[in-house]
Amino acid sequence: MSFAAIALLGVITMLSLWKALPEDKASQRPDVKAE
């Protein structure tokens, strides 16, 4: 039940991020070697 309740926190976080964060464009593909 503890893990099930924590999963619910994950859903709340997803909704918060979707609502609060501005939409942004896709980043350039990272240059793995350089990074």
Full PDB file with SEQRES, HELIX, SHEET, SSBOND, CRYST1, ORIGX, SCALE, CONECT and MASTER records, all heavy atoms in Angstrom:
SEQRES   1 A   35  MET SER PHE ALA ALA ILE ALA LEU LEU GLY VAL ILE THR          
SEQRES   2 A   35  MET LEU SER LEU TRP LYS ALA LEU PRO GLU ASP LYS ALA          
SEQRES   3 A   35  SER GLN ARG PRO ASP VAL LYS ALA GLU                          
HELIX    1 AA1 SER A    2  ALA A   20  1                                  19    
CRYST1    1.000    1.000    1.000  90.00  90.00  90.00 P 1           1          
ORIGX1      1.000000  0.000000  0.000000        0.00000                         
ORIGX2      0.000000  1.000000  0.000000        0.00000                         
ORIGX3      0.000000  0.000000  1.000000        0.00000                         
SCALE1      1.000000  0.000000  0.000000        0.00000                         
SCALE2      0.000000  1.000000  0.000000        0.00000                         
SCALE3      0.000000  0.000000  1.000000        0.00000                         
ATOM      1  N   MET A   1       0.844  -1.210   0.000  1.00  0.00           N  
ATOM      2  CA  MET A   1       0.000   0.000   0.000  1.00  0.00           C  
ATOM      3  C   MET A   1       0.876   1.255   0.000  1.00  0.00           C  
ATOM      4  O   MET A   1       0.524   2.272  -0.613  1.00  0.00           O  
ATOM      5  CB  MET A   1      -0.924  -0.034   1.234  1.00  0.00           C  
ATOM      6  CG  MET A   1      -1.930   1.101   1.282  1.00  0.00           C  
ATOM      7  SD  MET A   1      -2.964   1.178  -0.195  1.00  0.00           S  
ATOM      8  CE  MET A   1      -4.106  -0.132   0.143  1.00  0.00           C  
ATOM      9  N   SER A   2       2.014   1.179   0.678  1.00  0.00           N  
ATOM     10  CA  SER A   2       2.948   2.299   0.722  1.00  0.00           C  
ATOM     11  C   SER A   2       3.441   2.644  -0.684  1.00  0.00           C  
ATOM     12  O   SER A   2       3.432   3.803  -1.101  1.00  0.00           O  
ATOM     13  CB  SER A   2       4.121   1.924   1.627  1.00  0.00           C  
ATOM     14  OG  SER A   2       4.666   3.072   2.205  1.00  0.00           O  
ATOM     15  N   PHE A   3       3.874   1.627  -1.439  1.00  0.00           N  
ATOM     16  CA  PHE A   3       4.347   1.862  -2.812  1.00  0.00           C  
ATOM     17  C   PHE A   3       3.208   2.358  -3.712  1.00  0.00           C  
ATOM     18  O   PHE A   3       3.418   3.194  -4.593  1.00  0.00           O  
ATOM     19  CB  PHE A   3       4.971   0.590  -3.400  1.00  0.00           C  
ATOM     20  CG  PHE A   3       6.361   0.305  -2.879  1.00  0.00           C  
ATOM     21  CD1 PHE A   3       6.674  -0.900  -2.255  1.00  0.00           C  
ATOM     22  CD2 PHE A   3       7.376   1.245  -3.015  1.00  0.00           C  
ATOM     23  CE1 PHE A   3       7.947  -1.153  -1.770  1.00  0.00           C  
ATOM     24  CE2 PHE A   3       8.659   1.005  -2.531  1.00  0.00           C  
ATOM     25  CZ  PHE A   3       8.945  -0.196  -1.904  1.00  0.00           C  
ATOM     26  N   ALA A   4       1.985   1.859  -3.478  1.00  0.00           N  
ATOM     27  CA  ALA A   4       0.831   2.302  -4.275  1.00  0.00           C  
ATOM     28  C   ALA A   4       0.558   3.793  -4.032  1.00  0.00           C  
ATOM     29  O   ALA A   4       0.296   4.555  -4.981  1.00  0.00           O  
ATOM     30  CB  ALA A   4      -0.400   1.474  -3.924  1.00  0.00           C  
ATOM     31  N   ALA A   5       0.659   4.209  -2.764  1.00  0.00           N  
ATOM     32  CA  ALA A   5       0.443   5.626  -2.424  1.00  0.00           C  
ATOM     33  C   ALA A   5       1.527   6.505  -3.042  1.00  0.00           C  
ATOM     34  O   ALA A   5       1.250   7.614  -3.524  1.00  0.00           O  
ATOM     35  CB  ALA A   5       0.422   5.796  -0.910  1.00  0.00           C  
ATOM     36  N   ILE A   6       2.780   5.995  -3.059  1.00  0.00           N  
ATOM     37  CA  ILE A   6       3.885   6.760  -3.659  1.00  0.00           C  
ATOM     38  C   ILE A   6       3.672   6.896  -5.180  1.00  0.00           C  
ATOM     39  O   ILE A   6       3.969   7.937  -5.771  1.00  0.00           O  
ATOM     40  CB  ILE A   6       5.247   6.103  -3.328  1.00  0.00           C  
ATOM     41  CG1 ILE A   6       5.527   6.205  -1.822  1.00  0.00           C  
ATOM     42  CG2 ILE A   6       6.380   6.777  -4.097  1.00  0.00           C  
ATOM     43  CD1 ILE A   6       6.686   5.347  -1.326  1.00  0.00           C  
ATOM     44  N   ALA A   7       3.108   5.837  -5.812  1.00  0.00           N  
ATOM     45  CA  ALA A   7       2.800   5.907  -7.256  1.00  0.00           C  
ATOM     46  C   ALA A   7       1.811   7.041  -7.537  1.00  0.00           C  
ATOM     47  O   ALA A   7       1.911   7.750  -8.547  1.00  0.00           O  
ATOM     48  CB  ALA A   7       2.228   4.572  -7.737  1.00  0.00           C  
ATOM     49  N   LEU A   8       0.870   7.232  -6.604  1.00  0.00           N  
ATOM     50  CA  LEU A   8      -0.110   8.325  -6.731  1.00  0.00           C  
ATOM     51  C   LEU A   8       0.601   9.688  -6.722  1.00  0.00           C  
ATOM     52  O   LEU A   8       0.228  10.605  -7.459  1.00  0.00           O  
ATOM     53  CB  LEU A   8      -1.131   8.227  -5.595  1.00  0.00           C  
ATOM     54  CG  LEU A   8      -2.337   9.173  -5.685  1.00  0.00           C  
ATOM     55  CD1 LEU A   8      -3.165   8.901  -6.933  1.00  0.00           C  
ATOM     56  CD2 LEU A   8      -3.212   9.016  -4.435  1.00  0.00           C  
ATOM     57  N   LEU A   9       1.662   9.808  -5.896  1.00  0.00           N  
ATOM     58  CA  LEU A   9       2.472  11.045  -5.889  1.00  0.00           C  
ATOM     59  C   LEU A   9       3.079  11.297  -7.276  1.00  0.00           C  
ATOM     60  O   LEU A   9       3.214  12.438  -7.703  1.00  0.00           O  
ATOM     61  CB  LEU A   9       3.612  10.930  -4.862  1.00  0.00           C  
ATOM     62  CG  LEU A   9       3.291  11.112  -3.386  1.00  0.00           C  
ATOM     63  CD1 LEU A   9       4.545  10.873  -2.549  1.00  0.00           C  
ATOM     64  CD2 LEU A   9       2.758  12.517  -3.107  1.00  0.00           C  
ATOM     65  N   GLY A  10       3.454  10.211  -7.954  1.00  0.00           N  
ATOM     66  CA  GLY A  10       4.005  10.332  -9.315  1.00  0.00           C  
ATOM     67  C   GLY A  10       2.995  10.941 -10.270  1.00  0.00           C  
ATOM     68  O   GLY A  10       3.329  11.809 -11.092  1.00  0.00           O  
ATOM     69  N   VAL A  11       1.733  10.506 -10.159  1.00  0.00           N  
ATOM     70  CA  VAL A  11       0.659  11.035 -11.025  1.00  0.00           C  
ATOM     71  C   VAL A  11       0.446  12.523 -10.727  1.00  0.00           C  
ATOM     72  O   VAL A  11       0.314  13.351 -11.648  1.00  0.00           O  
ATOM     73  CB  VAL A  11      -0.654  10.233 -10.816  1.00  0.00           C  
ATOM     74  CG1 VAL A  11      -1.799  10.846 -11.627  1.00  0.00           C  
ATOM     75  CG2 VAL A  11      -0.446   8.767 -11.203  1.00  0.00           C  
ATOM     76  N   ILE A  12       0.438  12.884  -9.433  1.00  0.00           N  
ATOM     77  CA  ILE A  12       0.259  14.295  -9.039  1.00  0.00           C  
ATOM     78  C   ILE A  12       1.403  15.142  -9.609  1.00  0.00           C  
ATOM     79  O   ILE A  12       1.181  16.251 -10.124  1.00  0.00           O  
ATOM     80  CB  ILE A  12       0.181  14.426  -7.491  1.00  0.00           C  
ATOM     81  CG1 ILE A  12      -1.094  13.762  -6.974  1.00  0.00           C  
ATOM     82  CG2 ILE A  12       0.246  15.892  -7.055  1.00  0.00           C  
ATOM     83  CD1 ILE A  12      -1.128  13.531  -5.463  1.00  0.00           C  
ATOM     84  N   THR A  13       2.638  14.608  -9.560  1.00  0.00           N  
ATOM     85  CA  THR A  13       3.798  15.332 -10.100  1.00  0.00           C  
ATOM     86  C   THR A  13       3.650  15.552 -11.604  1.00  0.00           C  
ATOM     87  O   THR A  13       3.904  16.651 -12.102  1.00  0.00           O  
ATOM     88  CB  THR A  13       5.107  14.559  -9.830  1.00  0.00           C  
ATOM     89  OG1 THR A  13       5.220  14.333  -8.430  1.00  0.00           O  
ATOM     90  CG2 THR A  13       6.311  15.338 -10.310  1.00  0.00           C  
ATOM     91  N   MET A  14       3.237  14.511 -12.324  1.00  0.00           N  
ATOM     92  CA  MET A  14       3.071  14.632 -13.791  1.00  0.00           C  
ATOM     93  C   MET A  14       2.081  15.741 -14.136  1.00  0.00           C  
ATOM     94  O   MET A  14       2.337  16.565 -15.018  1.00  0.00           O  
ATOM     95  CB  MET A  14       2.598  13.305 -14.386  1.00  0.00           C  
ATOM     96  CG  MET A  14       3.681  12.279 -14.550  1.00  0.00           C  
ATOM     97  SD  MET A  14       3.076  10.858 -15.462  1.00  0.00           S  
ATOM     98  CE  MET A  14       2.460   9.829 -14.166  1.00  0.00           C  
ATOM     99  N   LEU A  15       0.958  15.752 -13.429  1.00  0.00           N  
ATOM    100  CA  LEU A  15      -0.060  16.786 -13.677  1.00  0.00           C  
ATOM    101  C   LEU A  15       0.500  18.173 -13.360  1.00  0.00           C  
ATOM    102  O   LEU A  15       0.269  19.132 -14.104  1.00  0.00           O  
ATOM    103  CB  LEU A  15      -1.313  16.517 -12.830  1.00  0.00           C  
ATOM    104  CG  LEU A  15      -2.141  15.294 -13.251  1.00  0.00           C  
ATOM    105  CD1 LEU A  15      -3.221  14.986 -12.212  1.00  0.00           C  
ATOM    106  CD2 LEU A  15      -2.786  15.523 -14.621  1.00  0.00           C  
ATOM    107  N   SER A  16       1.263  18.288 -12.254  1.00  0.00           N  
ATOM    108  CA  SER A  16       1.850  19.579 -11.853  1.00  0.00           C  
ATOM    109  C   SER A  16       2.831  20.077 -12.916  1.00  0.00           C  
ATOM    110  O   SER A  16       2.827  21.259 -13.278  1.00  0.00           O  
ATOM    111  CB  SER A  16       2.593  19.447 -10.519  1.00  0.00           C  
ATOM    112  OG  SER A  16       1.750  18.919  -9.544  1.00  0.00           O  
ATOM    113  N   LEU A  17       3.698  19.164 -13.396  1.00  0.00           N  
ATOM    114  CA  LEU A  17       4.698  19.547 -14.404  1.00  0.00           C  
ATOM    115  C   LEU A  17       4.013  19.975 -15.699  1.00  0.00           C  
ATOM    116  O   LEU A  17       4.387  20.966 -16.328  1.00  0.00           O  
ATOM    117  CB  LEU A  17       5.646  18.369 -14.687  1.00  0.00           C  
ATOM    118  CG  LEU A  17       6.583  17.956 -13.549  1.00  0.00           C  
ATOM    119  CD1 LEU A  17       7.206  16.595 -13.835  1.00  0.00           C  
ATOM    120  CD2 LEU A  17       7.690  18.995 -13.342  1.00  0.00           C  
ATOM    121  N   TRP A  18       2.995  19.208 -16.097  1.00  0.00           N  
ATOM    122  CA  TRP A  18       2.271  19.509 -17.344  1.00  0.00           C  
ATOM    123  C   TRP A  18       1.602  20.875 -17.267  1.00  0.00           C  
ATOM    124  O   TRP A  18       1.612  21.644 -18.218  1.00  0.00           O  
ATOM    125  CB  TRP A  18       1.243  18.399 -17.585  1.00  0.00           C  
ATOM    126  CG  TRP A  18       0.391  18.627 -18.794  1.00  0.00           C  
ATOM    127  CD1 TRP A  18       0.758  18.549 -20.110  1.00  0.00           C  
ATOM    128  CD2 TRP A  18      -0.994  19.003 -18.797  1.00  0.00           C  
ATOM    129  NE1 TRP A  18      -0.308  18.849 -20.929  1.00  0.00           N  
ATOM    130  CE2 TRP A  18      -1.400  19.128 -20.147  1.00  0.00           C  
ATOM    131  CE3 TRP A  18      -1.936  19.232 -17.785  1.00  0.00           C  
ATOM    132  CZ2 TRP A  18      -2.699  19.475 -20.501  1.00  0.00           C  
ATOM    133  CZ3 TRP A  18      -3.230  19.578 -18.141  1.00  0.00           C  
ATOM    134  CH2 TRP A  18      -3.604  19.698 -19.494  1.00  0.00           C  
ATOM    135  N   LYS A  19       1.059  21.204 -16.084  1.00  0.00           N  
ATOM    136  CA  LYS A  19       0.336  22.471 -15.903  1.00  0.00           C  
ATOM    137  C   LYS A  19       1.298  23.658 -15.717  1.00  0.00           C  
ATOM    138  O   LYS A  19       1.052  24.743 -16.244  1.00  0.00           O  
ATOM    139  CB  LYS A  19      -0.559  22.338 -14.661  1.00  0.00           C  
ATOM    140  CG  LYS A  19      -1.675  23.348 -14.581  1.00  0.00           C  
ATOM    141  CD  LYS A  19      -2.969  22.805 -15.183  1.00  0.00           C  
ATOM    142  CE  LYS A  19      -4.071  23.842 -15.135  1.00  0.00           C  
ATOM    143  NZ  LYS A  19      -4.294  24.529 -16.406  1.00  0.00           N  
ATOM    144  N   ALA A  20       2.386  23.441 -14.962  1.00  0.00           N  
ATOM    145  CA  ALA A  20       3.213  24.575 -14.506  1.00  0.00           C  
ATOM    146  C   ALA A  20       4.362  24.926 -15.450  1.00  0.00           C  
ATOM    147  O   ALA A  20       4.759  26.090 -15.534  1.00  0.00           O  
ATOM    148  CB  ALA A  20       3.769  24.290 -13.117  1.00  0.00           C  
ATOM    149  N   LEU A  21       4.936  23.923 -16.130  1.00  0.00           N  
ATOM    150  CA  LEU A  21       6.128  24.216 -16.937  1.00  0.00           C  
ATOM    151  C   LEU A  21       5.734  24.751 -18.303  1.00  0.00           C  
ATOM    152  O   LEU A  21       4.799  24.250 -18.926  1.00  0.00           O  
ATOM    153  CB  LEU A  21       6.996  22.962 -17.125  1.00  0.00           C  
ATOM    154  CG  LEU A  21       7.661  22.385 -15.879  1.00  0.00           C  
ATOM    155  CD1 LEU A  21       8.685  21.329 -16.271  1.00  0.00           C  
ATOM    156  CD2 LEU A  21       8.339  23.452 -15.032  1.00  0.00           C  
ATOM    157  N   PRO A  22       6.466  25.758 -18.805  1.00  0.00           N  
ATOM    158  CA  PRO A  22       6.165  26.263 -20.142  1.00  0.00           C  
ATOM    159  C   PRO A  22       6.546  25.218 -21.188  1.00  0.00           C  
ATOM    160  O   PRO A  22       7.473  24.434 -20.990  1.00  0.00           O  
ATOM    161  CB  PRO A  22       7.070  27.502 -20.257  1.00  0.00           C  
ATOM    162  CG  PRO A  22       8.162  27.276 -19.259  1.00  0.00           C  
ATOM    163  CD  PRO A  22       7.588  26.448 -18.161  1.00  0.00           C  
ATOM    164  N   GLU A  23       5.798  25.196 -22.292  1.00  0.00           N  
ATOM    165  CA  GLU A  23       6.171  24.275 -23.384  1.00  0.00           C  
ATOM    166  C   GLU A  23       7.466  24.772 -23.995  1.00  0.00           C  
ATOM    167  O   GLU A  23       7.647  25.970 -24.207  1.00  0.00           O  
ATOM    168  CB  GLU A  23       5.063  24.232 -24.440  1.00  0.00           C  
ATOM    169  CG  GLU A  23       4.182  23.004 -24.296  1.00  0.00           C  
ATOM    170  CD  GLU A  23       3.296  22.793 -25.502  1.00  0.00           C  
ATOM    171  OE1 GLU A  23       3.743  22.112 -26.435  1.00  0.00           O  
ATOM    172  OE2 GLU A  23       2.168  23.322 -25.489  1.00  0.00           O  
ATOM    173  N   ASP A  24       8.368  23.860 -24.272  1.00  0.00           N  
ATOM    174  CA  ASP A  24       9.620  24.276 -24.901  1.00  0.00           C  
ATOM    175  C   ASP A  24       9.871  23.398 -26.120  1.00  0.00           C  
ATOM    176  O   ASP A  24       9.291  22.332 -26.281  1.00  0.00           O  
ATOM    177  CB  ASP A  24      10.796  24.185 -23.907  1.00  0.00           C  
ATOM    178  CG  ASP A  24      10.916  22.797 -23.287  1.00  0.00           C  
ATOM    179  OD1 ASP A  24       9.897  22.075 -23.248  1.00  0.00           O  
ATOM    180  OD2 ASP A  24      12.007  22.434 -22.834  1.00  0.00           O  
ATOM    181  N   LYS A  25      10.755  23.910 -26.983  1.00  0.00           N  
ATOM    182  CA  LYS A  25      11.070  23.146 -28.204  1.00  0.00           C  
ATOM    183  C   LYS A  25      12.030  22.028 -27.867  1.00  0.00           C  
ATOM    184  O   LYS A  25      12.748  22.076 -26.870  1.00  0.00           O  
ATOM    185  CB  LYS A  25      11.724  24.073 -29.247  1.00  0.00           C  
ATOM    186  CG  LYS A  25      10.813  25.186 -29.741  1.00  0.00           C  
ATOM    187  CD  LYS A  25      11.524  25.972 -30.839  1.00  0.00           C  
ATOM    188  CE  LYS A  25      10.837  27.290 -31.114  1.00  0.00           C  
ATOM    189  NZ  LYS A  25      10.982  28.271 -30.034  1.00  0.00           N  
ATOM    190  N   ALA A  26      12.058  21.031 -28.746  1.00  0.00           N  
ATOM    191  CA  ALA A  26      13.002  19.927 -28.568  1.00  0.00           C  
ATOM    192  C   ALA A  26      14.425  20.475 -28.621  1.00  0.00           C  
ATOM    193  O   ALA A  26      14.738  21.352 -29.422  1.00  0.00           O  
ATOM    194  CB  ALA A  26      12.799  18.889 -29.670  1.00  0.00           C  
ATOM    195  N   SER A  27      15.269  19.979 -27.731  1.00  0.00           N  
ATOM    196  CA  SER A  27      16.664  20.414 -27.722  1.00  0.00           C  
ATOM    197  C   SER A  27      17.368  19.782 -28.910  1.00  0.00           C  
ATOM    198  O   SER A  27      16.886  18.816 -29.502  1.00  0.00           O  
ATOM    199  CB  SER A  27      17.355  19.950 -26.440  1.00  0.00           C  
ATOM    200  OG  SER A  27      16.545  20.222 -25.334  1.00  0.00           O  
ATOM    201  N   GLN A  28      18.531  20.350 -29.250  1.00  0.00           N  
ATOM    202  CA  GLN A  28      19.365  19.690 -30.251  1.00  0.00           C  
ATOM    203  C   GLN A  28      19.800  18.348 -29.688  1.00  0.00           C  
ATOM    204  O   GLN A  28      20.006  18.214 -28.494  1.00  0.00           O  
ATOM    205  CB  GLN A  28      20.622  20.522 -30.520  1.00  0.00           C  
ATOM    206  CG  GLN A  28      20.360  21.713 -31.422  1.00  0.00           C  
ATOM    207  CD  GLN A  28      21.669  22.467 -31.642  1.00  0.00           C  
ATOM    208  OE1 GLN A  28      22.318  22.889 -30.693  1.00  0.00           O  
ATOM    209  NE2 GLN A  28      22.053  22.620 -32.891  1.00  0.00           N  
ATOM    210  N   ARG A  29      19.953  17.351 -30.582  1.00  0.00           N  
ATOM    211  CA  ARG A  29      20.429  16.048 -30.106  1.00  0.00           C  
ATOM    212  C   ARG A  29      21.787  16.244 -29.449  1.00  0.00           C  
ATOM    213  O   ARG A  29      22.666  16.885 -30.022  1.00  0.00           O  
ATOM    214  CB  ARG A  29      20.564  15.064 -31.270  1.00  0.00           C  
ATOM    215  CG  ARG A  29      19.223  14.563 -31.775  1.00  0.00           C  
ATOM    216  CD  ARG A  29      19.439  13.652 -32.968  1.00  0.00           C  
ATOM    217  NE  ARG A  29      19.755  12.309 -32.533  1.00  0.00           N  
ATOM    218  CZ  ARG A  29      18.844  11.368 -32.340  1.00  0.00           C  
ATOM    219  NH1 ARG A  29      17.572  11.642 -32.515  1.00  0.00           N  
ATOM    220  NH2 ARG A  29      19.187  10.152 -31.969  1.00  0.00           N  
ATOM    221  N   PRO A  30      21.975  15.744 -28.240  1.00  0.00           N  
ATOM    222  CA  PRO A  30      23.246  15.989 -27.564  1.00  0.00           C  
ATOM    223  C   PRO A  30      24.418  15.334 -28.281  1.00  0.00           C  
ATOM    224  O   PRO A  30      24.278  14.244 -28.831  1.00  0.00           O  
ATOM    225  CB  PRO A  30      23.041  15.366 -26.176  1.00  0.00           C  
ATOM    226  CG  PRO A  30      21.892  14.427 -26.318  1.00  0.00           C  
ATOM    227  CD  PRO A  30      21.055  14.929 -27.444  1.00  0.00           C  
ATOM    228  N   ASP A  31      25.540  16.027 -28.300  1.00  0.00           N  
ATOM    229  CA  ASP A  31      26.777  15.453 -28.836  1.00  0.00           C  
ATOM    230  C   ASP A  31      27.383  14.619 -27.707  1.00  0.00           C  
ATOM    231  O   ASP A  31      28.094  15.131 -26.844  1.00  0.00           O  
ATOM    232  CB  ASP A  31      27.725  16.586 -29.267  1.00  0.00           C  
ATOM    233  CG  ASP A  31      29.017  16.059 -29.886  1.00  0.00           C  
ATOM    234  OD1 ASP A  31      29.336  14.868 -29.652  1.00  0.00           O  
ATOM    235  OD2 ASP A  31      29.705  16.821 -30.577  1.00  0.00           O  
ATOM    236  N   VAL A  32      27.061  13.328 -27.728  1.00  0.00           N  
ATOM    237  CA  VAL A  32      27.399  12.444 -26.606  1.00  0.00           C  
ATOM    238  C   VAL A  32      28.892  12.469 -26.307  1.00  0.00           C  
ATOM    239  O   VAL A  32      29.313  12.607 -25.152  1.00  0.00           O  
ATOM    240  CB  VAL A  32      26.933  10.992 -26.901  1.00  0.00           C  
ATOM    241  CG1 VAL A  32      27.395  10.032 -25.815  1.00  0.00           C  
ATOM    242  CG2 VAL A  32      25.406  10.960 -27.020  1.00  0.00           C  
ATOM    243  N   LYS A  33      29.701  12.379 -27.369  1.00  0.00           N  
ATOM    244  CA  LYS A  33      31.153  12.312 -27.186  1.00  0.00           C  
ATOM    245  C   LYS A  33      31.668  13.590 -26.508  1.00  0.00           C  
ATOM    246  O   LYS A  33      32.449  13.541 -25.557  1.00  0.00           O  
ATOM    247  CB  LYS A  33      31.825  12.122 -28.549  1.00  0.00           C  
ATOM    248  CG  LYS A  33      33.108  11.311 -28.482  1.00  0.00           C  
ATOM    249  CD  LYS A  33      33.555  10.944 -29.880  1.00  0.00           C  
ATOM    250  CE  LYS A  33      34.981  10.404 -29.834  1.00  0.00           C  
ATOM    251  NZ  LYS A  33      35.479  10.148 -31.184  1.00  0.00           N  
ATOM    252  N   ALA A  34      31.200  14.754 -27.013  1.00  0.00           N  
ATOM    253  CA  ALA A  34      31.656  16.045 -26.469  1.00  0.00           C  
ATOM    254  C   ALA A  34      31.204  16.211 -25.020  1.00  0.00           C  
ATOM    255  O   ALA A  34      31.967  16.677 -24.167  1.00  0.00           O  
ATOM    256  CB  ALA A  34      31.109  17.184 -27.324  1.00  0.00           C  
ATOM    257  N   GLU A  35      29.944  15.818 -24.729  1.00  0.00           N  
ATOM    258  CA  GLU A  35      29.426  15.977 -23.357  1.00  0.00           C  
ATOM    259  C   GLU A  35      30.171  15.074 -22.379  1.00  0.00           C  
ATOM    260  O   GLU A  35      30.500  15.482 -21.260  1.00  0.00           O  
ATOM    261  CB  GLU A  35      27.916  15.688 -23.319  1.00  0.00           C  
ATOM    262  CG  GLU A  35      27.102  16.751 -24.046  1.00  0.00           C  
ATOM    263  CD  GLU A  35      25.710  16.967 -23.454  1.00  0.00           C  
ATOM    264  OE1 GLU A  35      25.371  16.311 -22.460  1.00  0.00           O  
ATOM    265  OE2 GLU A  35      24.983  17.817 -23.986  1.00  0.00           O  
TER     266      GLU A  35                                                      
MASTER        0    0    0    1    0    0    0    6  265    1    0    3          
END                                                                             
